[in-house]
C-alpha cells in the first residue's frame, strides 16, 4: 500500500475546503448558478474523502484502535486511539457528504431533498462534531505528553469551530413544504465559515518540505 504523506492529506483537505468555500461564497450561486455551486460542493467532498482516507492510513492499522497508544510507522510517532477513532469517524462523515452533495445535483422534490440530501448532510455534520471532540481529547493527551510532532491546538480548535459551523449549516438547510430552506443564510454562512476554518487549519498543519542536504 502506498504510504501517502501528511502533505497529501493537508492539501486534500485544503482543496476540498476551498471548493466548499467557493460554492458557499456570498453571491457565487447567483452569479454562477446553483448547479455550478452544488458541483463545487460535490467535487470538494471527494477531496475531503480522499484526505480523510489518507489521514486514517497515517494513523496506522485497525488494531491501533484497541490500544491506548500505538506507534504508527507512517507518521513516525505514537498515535493515541482517540486520534485513530477521530479519523475513522471523520471518514464516515466525508462519505455522508459525498452522498448529500451528490444528491443535491439530481433530486427534484422536497421529500427526496430531505431524504437523500439533508439527512446525509446531518449525519456527516454529526460525524464531524464527534470526530472533532475525539481530536480535542487526543490533542490534550499529546500536549501533556509533550509530543512535538502531534497535531497542534490551533488546527484542532479551528477544525472544531468548522464542524460546529457545518452543524448549523445542516440545520438551516432543511427544506420545508414550500420547497425553501428554513434558514438559507444560516446554511450558506455556516458552510462558508466552516470551510474557511478547515482551510486555514489544513494550511497551518501543512508540514514543510524537507530539502535533502547536498554533499
N, C-alpha and C. Protein backbone atom coordinates (compact mmCIF):
# COMPACT_ATOMS: atom_id res chain seq x y z
N UNK A 1 0.84 -1.20 0.00
CA UNK A 1 0.00 0.00 0.00
C UNK A 1 0.88 1.25 0.00
N UNK A 2 0.51 2.20 -0.83
CA UNK A 2 1.27 3.44 -0.92
C UNK A 2 1.09 4.24 0.36
N UNK A 3 2.17 4.69 0.91
CA UNK A 3 2.11 5.48 2.14
C UNK A 3 2.06 6.96 1.77
N UNK A 4 0.86 7.48 1.75
CA UNK A 4 0.71 8.89 1.41
C UNK A 4 1.26 9.76 2.54
N UNK A 5 1.74 10.90 2.18
CA UNK A 5 2.35 11.79 3.16
C UNK A 5 1.32 12.68 3.83
N UNK A 6 1.75 13.26 4.93
CA UNK A 6 0.89 14.22 5.62
C UNK A 6 0.63 15.45 4.75
N UNK A 7 1.56 15.77 3.87
CA UNK A 7 1.33 16.90 2.96
C UNK A 7 0.17 16.59 2.01
N UNK A 8 0.09 15.36 1.55
CA UNK A 8 -1.02 14.97 0.68
C UNK A 8 -2.34 15.13 1.41
N UNK A 9 -2.36 14.68 2.67
CA UNK A 9 -3.57 14.82 3.49
C UNK A 9 -3.97 16.28 3.63
N UNK A 10 -3.03 17.12 3.99
CA UNK A 10 -3.33 18.54 4.21
C UNK A 10 -3.80 19.22 2.93
N UNK A 11 -3.15 18.92 1.80
CA UNK A 11 -3.57 19.52 0.54
C UNK A 11 -4.94 19.02 0.11
N UNK A 12 -5.25 17.77 0.41
CA UNK A 12 -6.58 17.27 0.10
C UNK A 12 -7.65 18.01 0.86
N UNK A 13 -7.44 18.21 2.15
CA UNK A 13 -8.40 18.97 2.96
C UNK A 13 -8.45 20.44 2.51
N UNK A 14 -7.30 20.99 2.16
CA UNK A 14 -7.26 22.39 1.74
C UNK A 14 -8.05 22.61 0.45
N UNK A 15 -7.86 21.74 -0.54
CA UNK A 15 -8.58 21.90 -1.80
C UNK A 15 -10.08 21.67 -1.60
N UNK A 16 -10.42 20.63 -0.83
CA UNK A 16 -11.83 20.39 -0.55
C UNK A 16 -12.48 21.56 0.16
N UNK A 17 -11.77 22.13 1.14
CA UNK A 17 -12.30 23.27 1.88
C UNK A 17 -12.47 24.48 0.98
N UNK A 18 -11.48 24.69 0.10
CA UNK A 18 -11.56 25.83 -0.82
C UNK A 18 -12.76 25.71 -1.75
N UNK A 19 -13.06 24.50 -2.20
CA UNK A 19 -14.21 24.30 -3.08
C UNK A 19 -15.53 24.50 -2.33
N UNK A 20 -15.57 24.09 -1.07
CA UNK A 20 -16.77 24.34 -0.27
C UNK A 20 -16.94 25.84 -0.01
N UNK A 21 -15.83 26.52 0.26
CA UNK A 21 -15.89 27.96 0.47
C UNK A 21 -16.34 28.68 -0.79
N UNK A 22 -15.85 28.21 -1.94
CA UNK A 22 -16.24 28.82 -3.21
C UNK A 22 -17.73 28.64 -3.46
N UNK A 23 -18.22 27.42 -3.29
CA UNK A 23 -19.62 27.15 -3.55
C UNK A 23 -20.57 27.91 -2.65
N UNK A 24 -20.13 28.21 -1.42
CA UNK A 24 -21.00 28.92 -0.47
C UNK A 24 -20.65 30.39 -0.33
N UNK A 25 -19.70 30.89 -1.13
CA UNK A 25 -19.31 32.30 -1.05
C UNK A 25 -20.51 33.19 -1.39
N UNK A 26 -20.67 34.29 -0.68
CA UNK A 26 -21.80 35.18 -0.93
C UNK A 26 -21.87 35.62 -2.39
N UNK A 27 -23.00 35.38 -3.01
CA UNK A 27 -23.23 35.80 -4.38
C UNK A 27 -22.75 34.83 -5.44
N UNK A 28 -21.99 33.80 -5.06
CA UNK A 28 -21.44 32.91 -6.09
C UNK A 28 -22.52 32.10 -6.79
N UNK A 29 -23.46 31.53 -6.01
CA UNK A 29 -24.52 30.72 -6.62
C UNK A 29 -25.39 31.57 -7.55
N UNK A 30 -25.64 32.82 -7.17
CA UNK A 30 -26.44 33.71 -8.03
C UNK A 30 -25.70 34.05 -9.31
N UNK A 31 -24.39 34.18 -9.21
CA UNK A 31 -23.59 34.54 -10.38
C UNK A 31 -23.32 33.34 -11.30
N UNK A 32 -22.91 32.20 -10.70
CA UNK A 32 -22.53 31.04 -11.50
C UNK A 32 -23.66 30.05 -11.72
N UNK A 33 -24.68 30.13 -10.88
CA UNK A 33 -25.78 29.18 -10.98
C UNK A 33 -25.72 28.12 -9.89
N UNK A 34 -26.88 27.62 -9.50
CA UNK A 34 -26.96 26.64 -8.41
C UNK A 34 -26.23 25.35 -8.76
N UNK A 35 -26.33 24.93 -10.02
CA UNK A 35 -25.69 23.68 -10.43
C UNK A 35 -24.17 23.76 -10.28
N UNK A 36 -23.60 24.89 -10.66
CA UNK A 36 -22.15 25.07 -10.52
C UNK A 36 -21.75 25.06 -9.05
N UNK A 37 -22.53 25.76 -8.22
CA UNK A 37 -22.22 25.80 -6.79
C UNK A 37 -22.32 24.40 -6.17
N UNK A 38 -23.38 23.66 -6.52
CA UNK A 38 -23.53 22.31 -6.00
C UNK A 38 -22.43 21.39 -6.51
N UNK A 39 -22.00 21.61 -7.75
CA UNK A 39 -20.90 20.82 -8.30
C UNK A 39 -19.60 21.07 -7.54
N UNK A 40 -19.41 22.32 -7.13
CA UNK A 40 -18.23 22.67 -6.34
C UNK A 40 -18.24 21.91 -5.01
N UNK A 41 -19.41 21.83 -4.38
CA UNK A 41 -19.54 21.07 -3.13
C UNK A 41 -19.25 19.58 -3.38
N UNK A 42 -19.80 19.05 -4.46
CA UNK A 42 -19.64 17.63 -4.75
C UNK A 42 -18.18 17.26 -4.98
N UNK A 43 -17.49 18.03 -5.81
CA UNK A 43 -16.08 17.76 -6.06
C UNK A 43 -15.27 17.95 -4.78
N UNK A 44 -15.58 19.00 -4.03
CA UNK A 44 -14.87 19.25 -2.77
C UNK A 44 -15.04 18.12 -1.78
N UNK A 45 -16.24 17.51 -1.76
CA UNK A 45 -16.49 16.42 -0.81
C UNK A 45 -15.59 15.22 -1.10
N UNK A 46 -15.25 15.01 -2.37
CA UNK A 46 -14.39 13.88 -2.71
C UNK A 46 -12.93 14.16 -2.33
N UNK A 47 -12.53 15.41 -2.37
CA UNK A 47 -11.19 15.75 -1.85
C UNK A 47 -11.17 15.52 -0.34
N UNK A 48 -12.27 15.85 0.35
CA UNK A 48 -12.37 15.56 1.78
C UNK A 48 -12.23 14.06 2.05
N UNK A 49 -12.95 13.27 1.25
CA UNK A 49 -12.94 11.82 1.46
C UNK A 49 -11.55 11.24 1.23
N UNK A 50 -10.88 11.71 0.17
CA UNK A 50 -9.53 11.24 -0.11
C UNK A 50 -8.58 11.62 1.03
N UNK A 51 -8.65 12.87 1.48
CA UNK A 51 -7.77 13.34 2.55
C UNK A 51 -8.04 12.59 3.85
N UNK A 52 -9.32 12.33 4.14
CA UNK A 52 -9.68 11.60 5.35
C UNK A 52 -9.16 10.17 5.29
N UNK A 53 -9.20 9.57 4.09
CA UNK A 53 -8.66 8.22 3.92
C UNK A 53 -7.15 8.22 4.17
N UNK A 54 -6.46 9.20 3.65
CA UNK A 54 -5.01 9.30 3.87
C UNK A 54 -4.73 9.46 5.36
N UNK A 55 -5.49 10.31 6.03
CA UNK A 55 -5.29 10.53 7.46
C UNK A 55 -5.50 9.24 8.24
N UNK A 56 -6.53 8.50 7.89
CA UNK A 56 -6.79 7.23 8.58
C UNK A 56 -5.65 6.25 8.35
N UNK A 57 -5.12 6.20 7.14
CA UNK A 57 -3.99 5.33 6.84
C UNK A 57 -2.76 5.75 7.64
N UNK A 58 -2.56 7.04 7.78
CA UNK A 58 -1.40 7.53 8.53
C UNK A 58 -1.49 7.17 10.01
N UNK A 59 -2.71 7.01 10.51
CA UNK A 59 -2.88 6.67 11.93
C UNK A 59 -2.51 5.23 12.23
N UNK A 60 -2.38 4.41 11.20
CA UNK A 60 -2.00 3.03 11.41
C UNK A 60 -3.13 2.06 11.16
N UNK A 61 -2.90 0.77 11.37
CA UNK A 61 -3.90 -0.25 11.09
C UNK A 61 -5.05 -0.25 12.09
N UNK A 62 -6.08 -1.03 11.79
CA UNK A 62 -7.27 -1.08 12.63
C UNK A 62 -6.96 -1.48 14.06
N UNK A 63 -6.00 -2.37 14.24
CA UNK A 63 -5.70 -2.85 15.60
C UNK A 63 -5.21 -1.73 16.50
N UNK A 64 -4.79 -0.60 15.91
CA UNK A 64 -4.33 0.53 16.72
C UNK A 64 -5.45 1.07 17.60
N UNK A 65 -6.70 0.89 17.14
CA UNK A 65 -7.83 1.42 17.91
C UNK A 65 -8.02 0.67 19.22
N UNK A 66 -7.50 -0.55 19.30
CA UNK A 66 -7.66 -1.34 20.51
C UNK A 66 -6.60 -1.03 21.56
N UNK A 67 -5.61 -0.24 21.20
CA UNK A 67 -4.52 0.07 22.11
C UNK A 67 -4.55 1.56 22.45
N UNK A 68 -4.38 1.90 23.74
CA UNK A 68 -4.36 3.32 24.11
C UNK A 68 -3.32 4.12 23.33
N UNK A 69 -2.15 3.54 23.16
CA UNK A 69 -1.08 4.19 22.41
C UNK A 69 -0.45 3.15 21.49
N UNK A 70 -0.40 3.46 20.22
CA UNK A 70 0.23 2.54 19.26
C UNK A 70 1.13 3.36 18.35
N UNK A 71 2.29 2.81 18.06
CA UNK A 71 3.23 3.53 17.20
C UNK A 71 2.87 3.31 15.74
N UNK A 72 2.77 4.40 14.99
CA UNK A 72 2.49 4.32 13.57
C UNK A 72 3.77 4.62 12.80
N UNK A 73 4.19 3.65 12.00
CA UNK A 73 5.40 3.85 11.19
C UNK A 73 5.18 4.90 10.12
N UNK A 74 3.92 5.14 9.78
CA UNK A 74 3.62 6.06 8.70
C UNK A 74 3.84 7.52 9.11
N UNK A 75 3.62 7.85 10.37
CA UNK A 75 3.85 9.20 10.83
C UNK A 75 5.07 9.31 11.74
N UNK A 76 5.64 8.17 12.11
CA UNK A 76 6.86 8.17 12.90
C UNK A 76 6.67 8.61 14.33
N UNK A 77 5.48 8.42 14.88
CA UNK A 77 5.23 8.77 16.28
C UNK A 77 4.11 7.88 16.81
N UNK A 78 3.91 7.96 18.12
CA UNK A 78 2.84 7.19 18.73
C UNK A 78 1.49 7.88 18.49
N UNK A 79 0.50 7.07 18.18
CA UNK A 79 -0.84 7.59 17.90
C UNK A 79 -1.81 7.07 18.95
N UNK A 80 -2.47 7.98 19.66
CA UNK A 80 -3.47 7.57 20.64
C UNK A 80 -4.70 7.07 19.93
N UNK A 81 -5.41 6.11 20.52
CA UNK A 81 -6.56 5.51 19.84
C UNK A 81 -7.67 6.52 19.57
N UNK A 82 -7.74 7.58 20.38
CA UNK A 82 -8.76 8.60 20.13
C UNK A 82 -8.50 9.33 18.82
N UNK A 83 -7.21 9.46 18.42
CA UNK A 83 -6.90 10.07 17.13
C UNK A 83 -7.32 9.13 16.00
N UNK A 84 -7.07 7.84 16.17
CA UNK A 84 -7.48 6.86 15.17
C UNK A 84 -9.00 6.87 15.02
N UNK A 85 -9.72 6.86 16.15
CA UNK A 85 -11.18 6.88 16.10
C UNK A 85 -11.69 8.17 15.49
N UNK A 86 -11.02 9.28 15.78
CA UNK A 86 -11.40 10.56 15.19
C UNK A 86 -11.31 10.50 13.67
N UNK A 87 -10.22 9.91 13.18
CA UNK A 87 -10.04 9.79 11.73
C UNK A 87 -11.08 8.85 11.12
N UNK A 88 -11.42 7.76 11.83
CA UNK A 88 -12.40 6.81 11.31
C UNK A 88 -13.79 7.42 11.24
N UNK A 89 -14.17 8.14 12.28
CA UNK A 89 -15.49 8.80 12.28
C UNK A 89 -15.53 9.88 11.21
N UNK A 90 -14.43 10.61 11.07
CA UNK A 90 -14.36 11.64 10.04
C UNK A 90 -14.52 11.03 8.65
N UNK A 91 -13.94 9.85 8.43
CA UNK A 91 -14.08 9.17 7.13
C UNK A 91 -15.55 8.89 6.83
N UNK A 92 -16.29 8.44 7.84
CA UNK A 92 -17.73 8.22 7.66
C UNK A 92 -18.43 9.52 7.30
N UNK A 93 -18.05 10.60 7.98
CA UNK A 93 -18.67 11.89 7.72
C UNK A 93 -18.44 12.38 6.30
N UNK A 94 -17.23 12.17 5.80
CA UNK A 94 -16.95 12.63 4.43
C UNK A 94 -17.75 11.83 3.40
N UNK A 95 -17.94 10.54 3.66
CA UNK A 95 -18.74 9.72 2.75
C UNK A 95 -20.20 10.19 2.76
N UNK A 96 -20.69 10.56 3.94
CA UNK A 96 -22.04 11.10 4.04
C UNK A 96 -22.17 12.39 3.22
N UNK A 97 -21.11 13.21 3.23
CA UNK A 97 -21.14 14.44 2.43
C UNK A 97 -21.07 14.13 0.93
N UNK A 98 -20.37 13.04 0.57
CA UNK A 98 -20.39 12.61 -0.84
C UNK A 98 -21.82 12.35 -1.29
N UNK A 99 -22.57 11.66 -0.43
CA UNK A 99 -23.96 11.31 -0.76
C UNK A 99 -24.83 12.55 -0.81
N UNK A 100 -24.71 13.41 0.21
CA UNK A 100 -25.59 14.58 0.28
C UNK A 100 -25.32 15.57 -0.85
N UNK A 101 -24.06 15.81 -1.16
CA UNK A 101 -23.74 16.76 -2.22
C UNK A 101 -24.06 16.19 -3.59
N UNK A 102 -23.89 14.86 -3.73
CA UNK A 102 -24.27 14.24 -4.99
C UNK A 102 -25.76 14.26 -5.20
N UNK A 103 -26.52 14.00 -4.13
CA UNK A 103 -27.98 14.01 -4.23
C UNK A 103 -28.50 15.39 -4.57
N UNK A 104 -27.83 16.43 -4.07
CA UNK A 104 -28.27 17.80 -4.34
C UNK A 104 -28.25 18.12 -5.83
N UNK A 105 -27.45 17.37 -6.59
CA UNK A 105 -27.35 17.61 -8.03
C UNK A 105 -28.47 16.95 -8.82
N UNK A 106 -29.13 15.95 -8.23
CA UNK A 106 -30.09 15.16 -9.01
C UNK A 106 -31.51 15.15 -8.48
N UNK A 107 -31.71 15.39 -7.18
CA UNK A 107 -33.08 15.31 -6.64
C UNK A 107 -33.88 16.55 -7.04
N UNK A 108 -35.19 16.36 -7.20
CA UNK A 108 -36.02 17.47 -7.67
C UNK A 108 -37.31 17.62 -6.86
N UNK A 109 -37.45 16.89 -5.77
CA UNK A 109 -38.66 17.02 -4.96
C UNK A 109 -38.29 17.31 -3.52
N UNK A 110 -39.22 17.90 -2.78
CA UNK A 110 -38.96 18.25 -1.38
C UNK A 110 -38.66 17.01 -0.56
N UNK A 111 -39.48 15.96 -0.77
CA UNK A 111 -39.31 14.74 0.01
C UNK A 111 -37.94 14.12 -0.27
N UNK A 112 -37.58 14.04 -1.55
CA UNK A 112 -36.28 13.46 -1.90
C UNK A 112 -35.12 14.31 -1.42
N UNK A 113 -35.30 15.64 -1.45
CA UNK A 113 -34.24 16.53 -0.96
C UNK A 113 -33.96 16.28 0.51
N UNK A 114 -35.01 16.20 1.32
CA UNK A 114 -34.82 15.97 2.74
C UNK A 114 -34.31 14.57 3.04
N UNK A 115 -34.70 13.60 2.21
CA UNK A 115 -34.30 12.22 2.48
C UNK A 115 -32.89 11.92 1.98
N UNK A 116 -32.61 12.30 0.75
CA UNK A 116 -31.34 11.92 0.12
C UNK A 116 -30.24 12.97 0.27
N UNK A 117 -30.60 14.20 0.54
CA UNK A 117 -29.59 15.25 0.65
C UNK A 117 -29.44 15.76 2.07
N UNK A 118 -30.56 16.14 2.69
CA UNK A 118 -30.47 16.76 4.01
C UNK A 118 -30.05 15.77 5.09
N UNK A 119 -30.64 14.57 5.08
CA UNK A 119 -30.30 13.60 6.13
C UNK A 119 -28.83 13.20 6.10
N UNK A 120 -28.27 12.84 4.95
CA UNK A 120 -26.82 12.54 4.94
C UNK A 120 -25.98 13.74 5.37
N UNK A 121 -26.46 14.95 5.04
CA UNK A 121 -25.75 16.16 5.45
C UNK A 121 -25.70 16.25 6.97
N UNK A 122 -26.83 15.94 7.60
CA UNK A 122 -26.88 15.96 9.07
C UNK A 122 -25.97 14.88 9.65
N UNK A 123 -26.02 13.67 9.07
CA UNK A 123 -25.17 12.59 9.57
C UNK A 123 -23.69 12.97 9.43
N UNK A 124 -23.34 13.57 8.30
CA UNK A 124 -21.96 14.00 8.10
C UNK A 124 -21.54 15.06 9.09
N UNK A 125 -22.44 16.00 9.36
CA UNK A 125 -22.12 17.07 10.31
C UNK A 125 -21.95 16.52 11.72
N UNK A 126 -22.82 15.57 12.10
CA UNK A 126 -22.69 14.95 13.42
C UNK A 126 -21.36 14.20 13.52
N UNK A 127 -21.02 13.48 12.46
CA UNK A 127 -19.76 12.74 12.45
C UNK A 127 -18.58 13.69 12.60
N UNK A 128 -18.62 14.84 11.93
CA UNK A 128 -17.54 15.81 12.05
C UNK A 128 -17.44 16.35 13.48
N UNK A 129 -18.58 16.55 14.12
CA UNK A 129 -18.58 17.04 15.50
C UNK A 129 -17.97 16.00 16.44
N UNK A 130 -18.36 14.74 16.27
CA UNK A 130 -17.81 13.66 17.09
C UNK A 130 -16.31 13.52 16.84
N UNK A 131 -15.92 13.58 15.57
CA UNK A 131 -14.51 13.49 15.21
C UNK A 131 -13.71 14.61 15.85
N UNK A 132 -14.27 15.82 15.83
CA UNK A 132 -13.58 16.97 16.43
C UNK A 132 -13.42 16.79 17.94
N UNK A 133 -14.45 16.26 18.61
CA UNK A 133 -14.38 16.03 20.06
C UNK A 133 -13.28 15.02 20.37
N UNK A 134 -13.19 13.97 19.58
CA UNK A 134 -12.13 12.98 19.78
C UNK A 134 -10.76 13.58 19.50
N UNK A 135 -10.67 14.45 18.51
CA UNK A 135 -9.40 15.10 18.19
C UNK A 135 -8.96 16.03 19.32
N UNK A 136 -9.92 16.73 19.93
CA UNK A 136 -9.60 17.59 21.08
C UNK A 136 -9.02 16.76 22.21
N UNK A 137 -9.66 15.61 22.47
CA UNK A 137 -9.19 14.71 23.52
C UNK A 137 -7.77 14.24 23.23
N UNK A 138 -7.53 13.83 21.97
CA UNK A 138 -6.20 13.35 21.59
C UNK A 138 -5.15 14.45 21.70
N UNK A 139 -5.51 15.64 21.26
CA UNK A 139 -4.56 16.76 21.30
C UNK A 139 -4.16 17.11 22.72
N UNK A 140 -5.13 17.03 23.65
CA UNK A 140 -4.81 17.31 25.05
C UNK A 140 -3.85 16.25 25.61
N UNK A 141 -4.06 15.00 25.22
CA UNK A 141 -3.15 13.94 25.67
C UNK A 141 -1.75 14.18 25.13
N UNK A 142 -1.66 14.55 23.85
CA UNK A 142 -0.34 14.82 23.26
C UNK A 142 0.32 16.02 23.93
N UNK A 143 -0.48 17.03 24.30
CA UNK A 143 0.07 18.21 24.97
C UNK A 143 0.69 17.81 26.31
N UNK A 144 -0.01 16.95 27.04
CA UNK A 144 0.50 16.51 28.34
C UNK A 144 1.75 15.65 28.18
N UNK A 145 1.82 14.91 27.09
CA UNK A 145 2.98 14.05 26.85
C UNK A 145 4.11 14.81 26.15
N UNK A 146 3.86 16.06 25.81
CA UNK A 146 4.87 16.89 25.14
C UNK A 146 5.35 16.23 23.85
N UNK A 147 4.37 15.91 22.98
CA UNK A 147 4.67 15.32 21.68
C UNK A 147 4.78 16.43 20.64
N UNK A 148 5.97 16.83 20.24
CA UNK A 148 6.14 17.99 19.36
C UNK A 148 5.59 17.79 17.95
N UNK A 149 5.53 16.55 17.47
CA UNK A 149 5.11 16.29 16.09
C UNK A 149 3.62 15.96 15.99
N UNK A 150 2.92 15.96 17.11
CA UNK A 150 1.49 15.64 17.10
C UNK A 150 0.67 16.86 16.65
N UNK A 151 -0.59 16.65 16.27
CA UNK A 151 -1.44 17.79 15.88
C UNK A 151 -1.49 18.86 16.95
N UNK A 152 -1.44 20.13 16.54
CA UNK A 152 -1.42 21.24 17.48
C UNK A 152 -2.81 21.74 17.82
N UNK A 153 -2.87 22.56 18.87
CA UNK A 153 -4.15 23.07 19.34
C UNK A 153 -4.81 24.00 18.34
N UNK A 154 -4.02 24.82 17.64
CA UNK A 154 -4.62 25.81 16.74
C UNK A 154 -5.44 25.13 15.65
N UNK A 155 -4.87 24.10 15.03
CA UNK A 155 -5.60 23.38 13.97
C UNK A 155 -6.80 22.64 14.55
N UNK A 156 -6.63 22.05 15.74
CA UNK A 156 -7.72 21.31 16.36
C UNK A 156 -8.90 22.22 16.67
N UNK A 157 -8.60 23.40 17.21
CA UNK A 157 -9.67 24.36 17.55
C UNK A 157 -10.38 24.85 16.29
N UNK A 158 -9.61 25.16 15.26
CA UNK A 158 -10.21 25.63 14.01
C UNK A 158 -11.09 24.55 13.39
N UNK A 159 -10.64 23.31 13.42
CA UNK A 159 -11.45 22.22 12.89
C UNK A 159 -12.73 22.03 13.70
N UNK A 160 -12.64 22.24 15.01
CA UNK A 160 -13.83 22.12 15.86
C UNK A 160 -14.83 23.22 15.55
N UNK A 161 -14.33 24.44 15.40
CA UNK A 161 -15.22 25.56 15.03
C UNK A 161 -15.86 25.29 13.67
N UNK A 162 -15.06 24.79 12.73
CA UNK A 162 -15.59 24.46 11.42
C UNK A 162 -16.67 23.41 11.48
N UNK A 163 -16.50 22.40 12.33
CA UNK A 163 -17.50 21.34 12.47
C UNK A 163 -18.79 21.89 13.07
N UNK A 164 -18.66 22.79 14.03
CA UNK A 164 -19.84 23.41 14.63
C UNK A 164 -20.58 24.24 13.58
N UNK A 165 -19.83 24.98 12.78
CA UNK A 165 -20.44 25.79 11.72
C UNK A 165 -21.16 24.92 10.70
N UNK A 166 -20.57 23.78 10.35
CA UNK A 166 -21.22 22.85 9.43
C UNK A 166 -22.51 22.30 10.05
N UNK A 167 -22.50 22.10 11.37
CA UNK A 167 -23.70 21.63 12.05
C UNK A 167 -24.84 22.64 11.92
N UNK A 168 -24.54 23.92 12.14
CA UNK A 168 -25.56 24.96 11.98
C UNK A 168 -26.02 25.05 10.53
N UNK A 169 -25.09 24.83 9.61
CA UNK A 169 -25.44 24.86 8.20
C UNK A 169 -26.44 23.77 7.86
N UNK A 170 -26.24 22.58 8.42
CA UNK A 170 -27.16 21.46 8.17
C UNK A 170 -28.55 21.77 8.70
N UNK A 171 -28.62 22.41 9.86
CA UNK A 171 -29.92 22.77 10.43
C UNK A 171 -30.64 23.76 9.52
N UNK A 172 -29.90 24.77 9.06
CA UNK A 172 -30.51 25.79 8.22
C UNK A 172 -30.89 25.31 6.84
N UNK A 173 -30.34 24.17 6.41
CA UNK A 173 -30.59 23.67 5.06
C UNK A 173 -31.85 22.84 4.94
N UNK A 174 -32.54 22.60 6.06
CA UNK A 174 -33.76 21.79 5.99
C UNK A 174 -34.79 22.47 5.09
N UNK A 175 -35.36 21.69 4.18
CA UNK A 175 -36.32 22.23 3.22
C UNK A 175 -37.74 22.01 3.73
N UNK A 176 -38.54 23.10 3.83
CA UNK A 176 -39.91 22.98 4.31
C UNK A 176 -40.87 22.63 3.17
N UNK A 177 -42.14 22.63 3.45
CA UNK A 177 -43.14 22.21 2.46
C UNK A 177 -43.24 23.17 1.28
N UNK A 178 -42.74 24.37 1.44
CA UNK A 178 -42.77 25.34 0.33
C UNK A 178 -41.61 25.14 -0.64
N UNK A 179 -40.67 24.25 -0.27
CA UNK A 179 -39.53 23.98 -1.12
C UNK A 179 -38.34 24.88 -0.87
N UNK A 180 -38.37 25.64 0.23
CA UNK A 180 -37.29 26.55 0.56
C UNK A 180 -36.59 26.10 1.84
N UNK A 181 -35.28 26.35 1.91
CA UNK A 181 -34.54 26.08 3.14
C UNK A 181 -35.06 26.98 4.24
N UNK A 182 -35.19 26.45 5.45
CA UNK A 182 -35.80 27.24 6.52
C UNK A 182 -34.91 28.42 6.93
N UNK A 183 -33.62 28.25 6.84
CA UNK A 183 -32.67 29.32 7.20
C UNK A 183 -31.55 29.36 6.16
N UNK A 184 -31.83 29.87 4.97
CA UNK A 184 -30.81 29.83 3.91
C UNK A 184 -29.53 30.57 4.25
N UNK A 185 -29.64 31.70 4.95
CA UNK A 185 -28.45 32.45 5.32
C UNK A 185 -27.60 31.67 6.33
N UNK A 186 -28.29 30.98 7.25
CA UNK A 186 -27.57 30.15 8.22
C UNK A 186 -26.87 29.00 7.52
N UNK A 187 -27.56 28.40 6.54
CA UNK A 187 -26.98 27.29 5.79
C UNK A 187 -25.76 27.75 5.00
N UNK A 188 -25.90 28.85 4.28
CA UNK A 188 -24.78 29.34 3.47
C UNK A 188 -23.64 29.85 4.35
N UNK A 189 -23.99 30.63 5.36
CA UNK A 189 -22.97 31.19 6.24
C UNK A 189 -22.22 30.12 7.02
N UNK A 190 -22.96 29.10 7.50
CA UNK A 190 -22.31 28.03 8.24
C UNK A 190 -21.34 27.26 7.39
N UNK A 191 -21.74 26.98 6.14
CA UNK A 191 -20.85 26.27 5.23
C UNK A 191 -19.61 27.10 4.91
N UNK A 192 -19.82 28.39 4.64
CA UNK A 192 -18.71 29.27 4.27
C UNK A 192 -17.72 29.41 5.41
N UNK A 193 -18.22 29.69 6.62
CA UNK A 193 -17.35 29.86 7.78
C UNK A 193 -16.64 28.55 8.10
N UNK A 194 -17.39 27.45 8.08
CA UNK A 194 -16.79 26.15 8.37
C UNK A 194 -15.69 25.80 7.38
N UNK A 195 -15.96 26.05 6.10
CA UNK A 195 -14.96 25.74 5.07
C UNK A 195 -13.70 26.57 5.25
N UNK A 196 -13.86 27.85 5.59
CA UNK A 196 -12.68 28.69 5.83
C UNK A 196 -11.87 28.20 7.02
N UNK A 197 -12.57 27.76 8.07
CA UNK A 197 -11.86 27.22 9.23
C UNK A 197 -11.07 25.97 8.86
N UNK A 198 -11.70 25.07 8.10
CA UNK A 198 -11.00 23.86 7.67
C UNK A 198 -9.81 24.20 6.76
N UNK A 199 -10.00 25.21 5.92
CA UNK A 199 -8.93 25.61 5.00
C UNK A 199 -7.71 26.11 5.76
N UNK A 200 -7.95 27.01 6.70
CA UNK A 200 -6.83 27.57 7.49
C UNK A 200 -6.17 26.47 8.32
N UNK A 201 -6.98 25.59 8.92
CA UNK A 201 -6.44 24.51 9.75
C UNK A 201 -5.54 23.59 8.93
N UNK A 202 -5.96 23.28 7.71
CA UNK A 202 -5.16 22.39 6.87
C UNK A 202 -3.86 23.05 6.43
N UNK A 203 -3.92 24.35 6.19
CA UNK A 203 -2.72 25.05 5.73
C UNK A 203 -1.70 25.23 6.86
N UNK A 204 -2.17 25.50 8.07
CA UNK A 204 -1.22 25.66 9.17
C UNK A 204 -0.68 24.30 9.63
N UNK A 205 -1.36 23.21 9.26
CA UNK A 205 -0.88 21.87 9.60
C UNK A 205 0.04 21.32 8.53
N UNK A 206 0.16 22.02 7.43
CA UNK A 206 0.94 21.54 6.30
C UNK A 206 2.42 21.45 6.67
N UNK A 207 2.99 20.25 6.66
CA UNK A 207 4.42 20.12 7.00
C UNK A 207 5.28 20.77 5.93
N UNK A 208 6.37 21.33 6.36
CA UNK A 208 7.30 21.93 5.41
C UNK A 208 8.03 20.84 4.65
N UNK A 209 8.37 21.16 3.40
CA UNK A 209 9.14 20.23 2.61
C UNK A 209 10.54 20.08 3.19
N UNK A 210 11.01 18.86 3.20
CA UNK A 210 12.40 18.63 3.65
C UNK A 210 13.31 18.65 2.45
N UNK A 211 14.38 19.40 2.56
CA UNK A 211 15.34 19.53 1.48
C UNK A 211 16.54 18.67 1.78
N UNK A 212 16.85 17.75 0.89
CA UNK A 212 17.99 16.86 1.10
C UNK A 212 19.30 17.65 1.05
N UNK A 213 20.14 17.35 1.98
CA UNK A 213 21.42 18.06 2.05
C UNK A 213 22.33 17.60 0.90
N UNK A 214 22.98 18.56 0.29
CA UNK A 214 23.92 18.22 -0.80
C UNK A 214 25.29 17.93 -0.23
N UNK A 215 25.96 16.92 -0.76
CA UNK A 215 27.29 16.56 -0.22
C UNK A 215 28.31 17.63 -0.54
